[in-house]
């Protein structure tokens, strides 16, 4: 039991650290906080399919990563709520597959971020309906590119390398 708890905490911490590092790398490239965001860290949003520890890992990683956000505390809260909500729903959808791939699991990060971050951007702007829809669409575009475009090859690599199966073999 103690071994499984330690593994869970370790996996969550590693995922959080990866999320932060990839978000900071995206920010260094000028991709993290634009209207259309291409956060490299968003490819990790598929990890709840493989491990429940990814849920707190992604949420904590998002909290830490958004400390550098130009939107400050609001982005820390909104981004983390979007990421946590998406991670939970991604985990729930993990067994719904198409040709062996949990493609439905890639949709929650797109939807939650588009709506929640779209509302956040709307809050800081002119607050017209058009601004919300444009912001949500821009966020969705970046999320689709990272979560689906980069997420499918990442998912296939994780499945092919069986990295999580090997981790399980060390704990039994």
N, C-alpha and C. Protein backbone atom coordinates (compact mmCIF):
# COMPACT_ATOMS: atom_id res chain seq x y z
N UNK A 1 0.83 -1.20 0.00
CA UNK A 1 0.00 0.00 0.00
C UNK A 1 0.87 1.26 0.00
N UNK A 2 1.89 1.27 0.85
CA UNK A 2 2.77 2.42 0.94
C UNK A 2 3.52 2.64 -0.37
N UNK A 3 3.89 1.53 -1.02
CA UNK A 3 4.61 1.60 -2.29
C UNK A 3 3.74 2.25 -3.36
N UNK A 4 2.44 1.91 -3.40
CA UNK A 4 1.52 2.47 -4.39
C UNK A 4 1.28 3.95 -4.14
N UNK A 5 1.18 4.37 -2.88
CA UNK A 5 0.99 5.78 -2.55
C UNK A 5 2.22 6.58 -2.97
N UNK A 6 3.39 6.04 -2.69
CA UNK A 6 4.64 6.71 -3.09
C UNK A 6 4.72 6.83 -4.60
N UNK A 7 4.34 5.78 -5.31
CA UNK A 7 4.36 5.81 -6.77
C UNK A 7 3.38 6.85 -7.30
N UNK A 8 2.19 6.92 -6.72
CA UNK A 8 1.17 7.88 -7.14
C UNK A 8 1.69 9.32 -6.97
N UNK A 9 2.23 9.61 -5.81
CA UNK A 9 2.76 10.95 -5.53
C UNK A 9 3.92 11.28 -6.46
N UNK A 10 4.79 10.31 -6.67
CA UNK A 10 5.95 10.52 -7.55
C UNK A 10 5.50 10.78 -8.99
N UNK A 11 4.55 10.00 -9.48
CA UNK A 11 4.05 10.20 -10.84
C UNK A 11 3.39 11.58 -10.97
N UNK A 12 2.59 11.97 -10.00
CA UNK A 12 1.94 13.28 -10.04
C UNK A 12 3.00 14.39 -10.05
N UNK A 13 4.03 14.24 -9.25
CA UNK A 13 5.09 15.25 -9.18
C UNK A 13 5.87 15.35 -10.48
N UNK A 14 6.18 14.21 -11.08
CA UNK A 14 6.91 14.22 -12.35
C UNK A 14 6.07 14.86 -13.44
N UNK A 15 4.79 14.52 -13.49
CA UNK A 15 3.89 15.10 -14.50
C UNK A 15 3.76 16.61 -14.28
N UNK A 16 3.64 17.04 -13.03
CA UNK A 16 3.57 18.47 -12.73
C UNK A 16 4.84 19.18 -13.19
N UNK A 17 5.98 18.58 -12.90
CA UNK A 17 7.26 19.19 -13.30
C UNK A 17 7.39 19.27 -14.82
N UNK A 18 6.97 18.22 -15.51
CA UNK A 18 7.01 18.24 -16.97
C UNK A 18 6.07 19.31 -17.53
N UNK A 19 4.89 19.42 -16.95
CA UNK A 19 3.93 20.43 -17.39
C UNK A 19 4.52 21.83 -17.24
N UNK A 20 5.12 22.10 -16.10
CA UNK A 20 5.72 23.41 -15.84
C UNK A 20 6.86 23.67 -16.83
N UNK A 21 7.76 22.70 -16.98
CA UNK A 21 8.91 22.88 -17.87
C UNK A 21 8.47 23.13 -19.31
N UNK A 22 7.49 22.36 -19.78
CA UNK A 22 7.02 22.53 -21.15
C UNK A 22 6.26 23.85 -21.35
N UNK A 23 5.54 24.29 -20.32
CA UNK A 23 4.86 25.59 -20.41
C UNK A 23 5.89 26.71 -20.44
N UNK A 24 6.91 26.63 -19.60
CA UNK A 24 7.96 27.66 -19.60
C UNK A 24 8.72 27.66 -20.92
N UNK A 25 8.95 26.48 -21.49
CA UNK A 25 9.60 26.41 -22.81
C UNK A 25 8.71 27.08 -23.86
N UNK A 26 7.42 26.82 -23.79
CA UNK A 26 6.48 27.47 -24.71
C UNK A 26 6.49 28.97 -24.54
N UNK A 27 6.54 29.42 -23.29
CA UNK A 27 6.58 30.85 -23.02
C UNK A 27 7.86 31.47 -23.56
N UNK A 28 8.97 30.78 -23.40
CA UNK A 28 10.25 31.29 -23.92
C UNK A 28 10.21 31.44 -25.44
N UNK A 29 9.42 30.60 -26.09
CA UNK A 29 9.26 30.68 -27.54
C UNK A 29 8.13 31.63 -27.95
N UNK A 30 7.48 32.26 -26.97
CA UNK A 30 6.39 33.19 -27.25
C UNK A 30 5.09 32.52 -27.65
N UNK A 31 4.88 31.28 -27.19
CA UNK A 31 3.70 30.52 -27.61
C UNK A 31 2.67 30.31 -26.50
N UNK A 32 3.00 30.63 -25.26
CA UNK A 32 2.17 30.21 -24.13
C UNK A 32 1.00 31.12 -23.80
N UNK A 33 1.12 32.42 -24.01
CA UNK A 33 0.09 33.33 -23.51
C UNK A 33 -0.46 34.25 -24.61
N UNK A 34 -0.39 33.83 -25.84
CA UNK A 34 -0.95 34.61 -26.95
C UNK A 34 -2.44 34.31 -27.10
N UNK A 35 -3.06 34.99 -28.07
CA UNK A 35 -4.48 34.73 -28.34
C UNK A 35 -4.66 33.26 -28.71
N UNK A 36 -3.84 32.78 -29.63
CA UNK A 36 -3.81 31.35 -29.95
C UNK A 36 -2.58 30.80 -29.26
N UNK A 37 -2.81 29.93 -28.28
CA UNK A 37 -1.72 29.41 -27.45
C UNK A 37 -1.32 28.03 -27.93
N UNK A 38 -0.03 27.85 -28.09
CA UNK A 38 0.50 26.54 -28.45
C UNK A 38 1.42 26.08 -27.32
N UNK A 39 0.80 25.72 -26.20
CA UNK A 39 1.57 25.24 -25.06
C UNK A 39 1.98 23.79 -25.30
N UNK A 40 3.26 23.55 -25.32
CA UNK A 40 3.76 22.20 -25.50
C UNK A 40 3.25 21.28 -24.39
N UNK A 41 3.02 21.84 -23.21
CA UNK A 41 2.56 21.07 -22.06
C UNK A 41 1.18 20.46 -22.27
N UNK A 42 0.39 21.00 -23.17
CA UNK A 42 -0.96 20.49 -23.38
C UNK A 42 -0.98 19.09 -23.97
N UNK A 43 0.12 18.66 -24.55
CA UNK A 43 0.18 17.29 -25.05
C UNK A 43 0.07 16.29 -23.88
N UNK A 44 0.45 16.73 -22.70
CA UNK A 44 0.39 15.86 -21.52
C UNK A 44 -1.03 15.63 -21.02
N UNK A 45 -1.99 16.36 -21.54
CA UNK A 45 -3.37 16.23 -21.05
C UNK A 45 -3.98 14.87 -21.38
N UNK A 46 -3.32 14.07 -22.18
CA UNK A 46 -3.80 12.71 -22.47
C UNK A 46 -3.38 11.72 -21.36
N UNK A 47 -2.47 12.11 -20.51
CA UNK A 47 -1.95 11.19 -19.49
C UNK A 47 -2.97 10.65 -18.50
N UNK A 48 -4.07 11.34 -18.18
CA UNK A 48 -5.07 10.71 -17.31
C UNK A 48 -5.66 9.41 -17.88
N UNK A 49 -5.53 9.21 -19.18
CA UNK A 49 -5.96 7.94 -19.79
C UNK A 49 -5.14 6.79 -19.18
N UNK A 50 -3.88 7.05 -18.90
CA UNK A 50 -2.98 6.00 -18.43
C UNK A 50 -2.84 5.94 -16.91
N UNK A 51 -2.89 7.09 -16.26
CA UNK A 51 -2.64 7.15 -14.83
C UNK A 51 -3.54 8.16 -14.14
N UNK A 52 -4.20 7.75 -13.06
CA UNK A 52 -5.00 8.73 -12.30
C UNK A 52 -4.12 9.80 -11.65
N UNK A 53 -2.86 9.50 -11.40
CA UNK A 53 -1.95 10.48 -10.81
C UNK A 53 -1.74 11.69 -11.72
N UNK A 54 -2.08 11.54 -12.99
CA UNK A 54 -1.94 12.66 -13.92
C UNK A 54 -2.93 13.77 -13.58
N UNK A 55 -4.04 13.44 -12.95
CA UNK A 55 -5.05 14.46 -12.64
C UNK A 55 -4.48 15.52 -11.70
N UNK A 56 -4.00 15.15 -10.51
CA UNK A 56 -3.40 16.20 -9.67
C UNK A 56 -2.09 16.73 -10.26
N UNK A 57 -1.37 15.89 -10.98
CA UNK A 57 -0.11 16.34 -11.58
C UNK A 57 -0.33 17.47 -12.57
N UNK A 58 -1.31 17.32 -13.44
CA UNK A 58 -1.61 18.37 -14.41
C UNK A 58 -2.13 19.63 -13.73
N UNK A 59 -3.00 19.47 -12.74
CA UNK A 59 -3.57 20.62 -12.04
C UNK A 59 -2.49 21.40 -11.29
N UNK A 60 -1.64 20.70 -10.58
CA UNK A 60 -0.57 21.36 -9.82
C UNK A 60 0.43 21.99 -10.79
N UNK A 61 0.74 21.28 -11.86
CA UNK A 61 1.63 21.84 -12.87
C UNK A 61 1.08 23.12 -13.46
N UNK A 62 -0.22 23.16 -13.72
CA UNK A 62 -0.87 24.35 -14.27
C UNK A 62 -0.82 25.50 -13.27
N UNK A 63 -1.05 25.22 -12.01
CA UNK A 63 -0.97 26.27 -10.98
C UNK A 63 0.42 26.90 -11.00
N UNK A 64 1.44 26.07 -10.96
CA UNK A 64 2.82 26.57 -10.92
C UNK A 64 3.18 27.29 -12.22
N UNK A 65 2.81 26.70 -13.35
CA UNK A 65 3.14 27.29 -14.65
C UNK A 65 2.48 28.65 -14.84
N UNK A 66 1.26 28.80 -14.35
CA UNK A 66 0.53 30.05 -14.55
C UNK A 66 0.96 31.17 -13.61
N UNK A 67 1.91 30.90 -12.75
CA UNK A 67 2.46 31.97 -11.92
C UNK A 67 3.09 33.04 -12.81
N UNK A 68 3.61 32.63 -13.95
CA UNK A 68 4.23 33.60 -14.87
C UNK A 68 3.24 34.20 -15.87
N UNK A 69 1.97 33.89 -15.74
CA UNK A 69 0.95 34.40 -16.67
C UNK A 69 0.76 35.90 -16.52
N UNK A 70 0.58 36.59 -17.64
CA UNK A 70 0.30 38.02 -17.56
C UNK A 70 -1.07 38.32 -16.94
N UNK A 71 -1.95 37.32 -16.83
CA UNK A 71 -3.27 37.51 -16.22
C UNK A 71 -3.26 37.26 -14.72
N UNK A 72 -2.11 36.87 -14.16
CA UNK A 72 -1.93 36.74 -12.72
C UNK A 72 -2.80 35.69 -12.06
N UNK A 73 -3.31 36.04 -10.89
CA UNK A 73 -4.06 35.11 -10.04
C UNK A 73 -5.29 34.56 -10.76
N UNK A 74 -5.93 35.38 -11.57
CA UNK A 74 -7.13 34.93 -12.29
C UNK A 74 -6.78 33.76 -13.20
N UNK A 75 -5.64 33.84 -13.87
CA UNK A 75 -5.23 32.75 -14.75
C UNK A 75 -4.80 31.52 -13.96
N UNK A 76 -4.20 31.73 -12.81
CA UNK A 76 -3.85 30.59 -11.95
C UNK A 76 -5.11 29.83 -11.58
N UNK A 77 -6.15 30.56 -11.20
CA UNK A 77 -7.41 29.92 -10.79
C UNK A 77 -8.14 29.33 -11.99
N UNK A 78 -8.40 30.15 -13.00
CA UNK A 78 -9.18 29.69 -14.16
C UNK A 78 -8.47 28.57 -14.92
N UNK A 79 -7.18 28.75 -15.16
CA UNK A 79 -6.42 27.73 -15.88
C UNK A 79 -6.39 26.40 -15.13
N UNK A 80 -6.24 26.49 -13.82
CA UNK A 80 -6.18 25.27 -13.01
C UNK A 80 -7.54 24.57 -12.94
N UNK A 81 -8.61 25.35 -12.85
CA UNK A 81 -9.95 24.76 -12.86
C UNK A 81 -10.21 24.08 -14.20
N UNK A 82 -9.83 24.75 -15.29
CA UNK A 82 -10.01 24.15 -16.62
C UNK A 82 -9.21 22.87 -16.76
N UNK A 83 -7.97 22.91 -16.33
CA UNK A 83 -7.09 21.75 -16.45
C UNK A 83 -7.56 20.60 -15.57
N UNK A 84 -7.93 20.88 -14.33
CA UNK A 84 -8.42 19.84 -13.42
C UNK A 84 -9.71 19.23 -13.94
N UNK A 85 -10.64 20.06 -14.37
CA UNK A 85 -11.92 19.55 -14.90
C UNK A 85 -11.69 18.67 -16.13
N UNK A 86 -10.84 19.15 -17.03
CA UNK A 86 -10.54 18.39 -18.25
C UNK A 86 -9.87 17.07 -17.92
N UNK A 87 -8.96 17.08 -16.95
CA UNK A 87 -8.24 15.85 -16.58
C UNK A 87 -9.20 14.80 -16.00
N UNK A 88 -10.13 15.23 -15.18
CA UNK A 88 -11.11 14.31 -14.59
C UNK A 88 -11.97 13.69 -15.70
N UNK A 89 -12.48 14.51 -16.60
CA UNK A 89 -13.34 14.01 -17.67
C UNK A 89 -12.53 13.15 -18.65
N UNK A 90 -11.29 13.52 -18.89
CA UNK A 90 -10.41 12.70 -19.74
C UNK A 90 -10.27 11.31 -19.13
N UNK A 91 -10.06 11.24 -17.85
CA UNK A 91 -9.94 9.94 -17.16
C UNK A 91 -11.24 9.13 -17.29
N UNK A 92 -12.37 9.80 -17.14
CA UNK A 92 -13.66 9.12 -17.25
C UNK A 92 -13.87 8.55 -18.65
N UNK A 93 -13.39 9.26 -19.66
CA UNK A 93 -13.60 8.86 -21.07
C UNK A 93 -12.55 7.87 -21.59
N UNK A 94 -11.61 7.46 -20.77
CA UNK A 94 -10.47 6.66 -21.24
C UNK A 94 -10.84 5.35 -21.92
N UNK A 95 -11.95 4.74 -21.57
CA UNK A 95 -12.32 3.44 -22.14
C UNK A 95 -13.18 3.53 -23.39
N UNK A 96 -13.51 4.74 -23.80
CA UNK A 96 -14.28 4.93 -25.03
C UNK A 96 -13.25 5.12 -26.15
N UNK A 97 -13.12 4.11 -26.99
CA UNK A 97 -12.06 4.14 -28.00
C UNK A 97 -12.61 4.07 -29.41
N UNK A 98 -11.79 4.52 -30.33
CA UNK A 98 -12.06 4.41 -31.76
C UNK A 98 -10.80 3.84 -32.38
N UNK A 99 -10.92 2.64 -32.93
CA UNK A 99 -9.76 1.94 -33.48
C UNK A 99 -8.63 1.80 -32.46
N UNK A 100 -9.03 1.53 -31.23
CA UNK A 100 -8.06 1.30 -30.17
C UNK A 100 -7.49 2.55 -29.53
N UNK A 101 -7.89 3.72 -29.99
CA UNK A 101 -7.38 4.97 -29.43
C UNK A 101 -8.50 5.70 -28.68
N UNK A 102 -8.20 6.20 -27.49
CA UNK A 102 -9.20 6.94 -26.71
C UNK A 102 -9.34 8.38 -27.20
N UNK A 103 -9.79 8.54 -28.43
CA UNK A 103 -9.86 9.85 -29.06
C UNK A 103 -10.80 10.81 -28.34
N UNK A 104 -11.87 10.29 -27.76
CA UNK A 104 -12.80 11.14 -27.03
C UNK A 104 -12.11 11.81 -25.84
N UNK A 105 -11.08 11.18 -25.31
CA UNK A 105 -10.34 11.73 -24.17
C UNK A 105 -9.55 12.98 -24.53
N UNK A 106 -9.38 13.24 -25.80
CA UNK A 106 -8.64 14.44 -26.21
C UNK A 106 -9.55 15.66 -26.31
N UNK A 107 -10.84 15.45 -26.24
CA UNK A 107 -11.78 16.56 -26.40
C UNK A 107 -11.96 17.40 -25.13
N UNK A 108 -12.01 16.82 -23.93
CA UNK A 108 -12.23 17.65 -22.74
C UNK A 108 -11.23 18.81 -22.56
N UNK A 109 -9.92 18.61 -22.78
CA UNK A 109 -9.02 19.76 -22.63
C UNK A 109 -9.34 20.88 -23.62
N UNK A 110 -9.77 20.51 -24.82
CA UNK A 110 -10.13 21.51 -25.82
C UNK A 110 -11.36 22.29 -25.35
N UNK A 111 -12.40 21.59 -24.96
CA UNK A 111 -13.66 22.24 -24.57
C UNK A 111 -13.54 23.05 -23.28
N UNK A 112 -12.97 22.45 -22.24
CA UNK A 112 -12.87 23.17 -20.96
C UNK A 112 -12.01 24.41 -21.08
N UNK A 113 -10.88 24.29 -21.78
CA UNK A 113 -10.02 25.46 -21.93
C UNK A 113 -10.66 26.52 -22.81
N UNK A 114 -11.30 26.09 -23.90
CA UNK A 114 -11.95 27.07 -24.77
C UNK A 114 -12.98 27.89 -24.01
N UNK A 115 -13.83 27.22 -23.25
CA UNK A 115 -14.90 27.91 -22.53
C UNK A 115 -14.35 28.72 -21.35
N UNK A 116 -13.58 28.09 -20.48
CA UNK A 116 -13.14 28.77 -19.26
C UNK A 116 -12.12 29.86 -19.56
N UNK A 117 -11.14 29.57 -20.38
CA UNK A 117 -10.13 30.60 -20.71
C UNK A 117 -10.75 31.65 -21.64
N UNK A 118 -11.67 31.22 -22.50
CA UNK A 118 -12.40 32.19 -23.32
C UNK A 118 -13.15 33.19 -22.45
N UNK A 119 -13.79 32.70 -21.39
CA UNK A 119 -14.48 33.60 -20.44
C UNK A 119 -13.50 34.49 -19.69
N UNK A 120 -12.37 33.93 -19.35
CA UNK A 120 -11.34 34.72 -18.65
C UNK A 120 -10.87 35.88 -19.53
N UNK A 121 -10.57 35.61 -20.77
CA UNK A 121 -10.13 36.66 -21.69
C UNK A 121 -11.25 37.68 -21.89
N UNK A 122 -12.48 37.20 -22.03
CA UNK A 122 -13.64 38.07 -22.17
C UNK A 122 -13.75 39.01 -20.97
N UNK A 123 -13.49 38.47 -19.77
CA UNK A 123 -13.58 39.26 -18.54
C UNK A 123 -12.61 40.44 -18.57
N UNK A 124 -11.43 40.23 -19.15
CA UNK A 124 -10.41 41.28 -19.19
C UNK A 124 -10.55 42.20 -20.40
N UNK A 125 -11.55 41.99 -21.23
CA UNK A 125 -11.69 42.79 -22.45
C UNK A 125 -13.00 43.57 -22.46
N UNK A 126 -13.49 43.85 -23.64
CA UNK A 126 -14.69 44.69 -23.81
C UNK A 126 -15.99 44.01 -23.39
N UNK A 127 -15.96 42.75 -23.16
CA UNK A 127 -17.12 41.96 -22.70
C UNK A 127 -18.30 41.99 -23.67
N UNK A 128 -18.00 41.81 -24.92
CA UNK A 128 -19.06 41.64 -25.92
C UNK A 128 -19.14 40.15 -26.25
N UNK A 129 -20.29 39.68 -26.69
CA UNK A 129 -20.39 38.26 -27.04
C UNK A 129 -19.38 37.84 -28.10
N UNK A 130 -19.09 38.74 -29.02
CA UNK A 130 -18.13 38.41 -30.08
C UNK A 130 -16.75 38.11 -29.51
N UNK A 131 -16.35 38.89 -28.50
CA UNK A 131 -15.03 38.70 -27.88
C UNK A 131 -14.94 37.31 -27.26
N UNK A 132 -16.00 36.90 -26.57
CA UNK A 132 -15.97 35.56 -25.97
C UNK A 132 -15.82 34.49 -27.04
N UNK A 133 -16.64 34.55 -28.08
CA UNK A 133 -16.61 33.51 -29.11
C UNK A 133 -15.28 33.49 -29.86
N UNK A 134 -14.74 34.65 -30.14
CA UNK A 134 -13.44 34.72 -30.81
C UNK A 134 -12.35 34.15 -29.90
N UNK A 135 -12.36 34.55 -28.64
CA UNK A 135 -11.36 34.06 -27.69
C UNK A 135 -11.47 32.55 -27.50
N UNK A 136 -12.68 32.06 -27.34
CA UNK A 136 -12.89 30.62 -27.17
C UNK A 136 -12.42 29.86 -28.40
N UNK A 137 -12.71 30.38 -29.58
CA UNK A 137 -12.27 29.75 -30.82
C UNK A 137 -10.75 29.74 -30.93
N UNK A 138 -10.11 30.86 -30.59
CA UNK A 138 -8.64 30.92 -30.64
C UNK A 138 -8.01 29.93 -29.67
N UNK A 139 -8.55 29.85 -28.47
CA UNK A 139 -8.03 28.89 -27.48
C UNK A 139 -8.25 27.47 -27.99
N UNK A 140 -9.42 27.20 -28.55
CA UNK A 140 -9.73 25.86 -29.07
C UNK A 140 -8.77 25.46 -30.18
N UNK A 141 -8.42 26.39 -31.05
CA UNK A 141 -7.49 26.08 -32.15
C UNK A 141 -6.16 25.61 -31.60
N UNK A 142 -5.60 26.36 -30.66
CA UNK A 142 -4.33 25.96 -30.05
C UNK A 142 -4.42 24.63 -29.34
N UNK A 143 -5.54 24.42 -28.65
CA UNK A 143 -5.73 23.16 -27.93
C UNK A 143 -5.85 21.98 -28.90
N UNK A 144 -6.57 22.15 -29.98
CA UNK A 144 -6.71 21.07 -30.96
C UNK A 144 -5.34 20.70 -31.54
N UNK A 145 -4.56 21.71 -31.88
CA UNK A 145 -3.22 21.44 -32.43
C UNK A 145 -2.39 20.64 -31.44
N UNK A 146 -2.39 21.06 -30.17
CA UNK A 146 -1.52 20.41 -29.19
C UNK A 146 -2.13 19.11 -28.65
N UNK A 147 -3.42 19.13 -28.30
CA UNK A 147 -4.03 17.95 -27.67
C UNK A 147 -4.33 16.84 -28.67
N UNK A 148 -4.69 17.21 -29.88
CA UNK A 148 -5.04 16.20 -30.88
C UNK A 148 -3.88 16.03 -31.87
N UNK A 149 -3.44 17.13 -32.47
CA UNK A 149 -2.38 17.05 -33.47
C UNK A 149 -1.10 16.44 -32.92
N UNK A 150 -0.65 16.94 -31.77
CA UNK A 150 0.54 16.38 -31.13
C UNK A 150 0.17 15.25 -30.17
N UNK A 151 -1.08 15.28 -29.68
CA UNK A 151 -1.51 14.28 -28.70
C UNK A 151 -1.62 12.87 -29.25
N UNK A 152 -2.08 12.73 -30.49
CA UNK A 152 -2.21 11.38 -31.07
C UNK A 152 -0.84 10.71 -31.22
N UNK A 153 0.17 11.37 -31.80
CA UNK A 153 1.48 10.72 -31.86
C UNK A 153 2.06 10.43 -30.47
N UNK A 154 1.82 11.36 -29.51
CA UNK A 154 2.29 11.14 -28.15
C UNK A 154 1.60 9.93 -27.54
N UNK A 155 0.30 9.84 -27.70
CA UNK A 155 -0.48 8.71 -27.21
C UNK A 155 0.03 7.39 -27.80
N UNK A 156 0.24 7.39 -29.10
CA UNK A 156 0.72 6.18 -29.77
C UNK A 156 2.11 5.79 -29.26
N UNK A 157 2.95 6.77 -29.02
CA UNK A 157 4.29 6.49 -28.51
C UNK A 157 4.23 5.89 -27.11
N UNK A 158 3.39 6.48 -26.25
CA UNK A 158 3.24 5.96 -24.89
C UNK A 158 2.72 4.53 -24.92
N UNK A 159 1.72 4.27 -25.78
CA UNK A 159 1.18 2.91 -25.88
C UNK A 159 2.21 1.94 -26.44
N UNK A 160 2.94 2.36 -27.47
CA UNK A 160 3.91 1.48 -28.13
C UNK A 160 5.09 1.14 -27.21
N UNK A 161 5.57 2.13 -26.48
CA UNK A 161 6.72 1.90 -25.61
C UNK A 161 6.32 1.19 -24.32
N UNK A 162 5.02 1.19 -24.03
CA UNK A 162 4.50 0.54 -22.82
C UNK A 162 5.20 1.05 -21.56
N UNK A 163 5.51 2.32 -21.54
CA UNK A 163 6.24 2.91 -20.42
C UNK A 163 5.50 2.71 -19.10
N UNK A 164 4.19 2.82 -19.10
CA UNK A 164 3.46 2.66 -17.85
C UNK A 164 3.36 1.20 -17.43
N UNK A 165 3.39 0.29 -18.38
CA UNK A 165 3.44 -1.13 -18.04
C UNK A 165 4.75 -1.46 -17.33
N UNK A 166 5.84 -0.86 -17.81
CA UNK A 166 7.14 -1.09 -17.19
C UNK A 166 7.19 -0.50 -15.79
N UNK A 167 6.56 0.64 -15.59
CA UNK A 167 6.52 1.24 -14.26
C UNK A 167 5.77 0.32 -13.31
N UNK A 168 4.67 -0.26 -13.78
CA UNK A 168 3.91 -1.20 -12.95
C UNK A 168 4.74 -2.41 -12.56
N UNK A 169 5.58 -2.88 -13.46
CA UNK A 169 6.38 -4.08 -13.16
C UNK A 169 7.39 -3.81 -12.05
N UNK A 170 7.80 -2.56 -11.86
CA UNK A 170 8.74 -2.23 -10.79
C UNK A 170 8.07 -2.19 -9.42
N UNK A 171 6.75 -2.05 -9.41
CA UNK A 171 6.05 -1.88 -8.14
C UNK A 171 5.38 -3.16 -7.63
N UNK A 172 5.43 -4.19 -8.42
CA UNK A 172 4.76 -5.42 -7.98
C UNK A 172 5.70 -6.39 -7.33
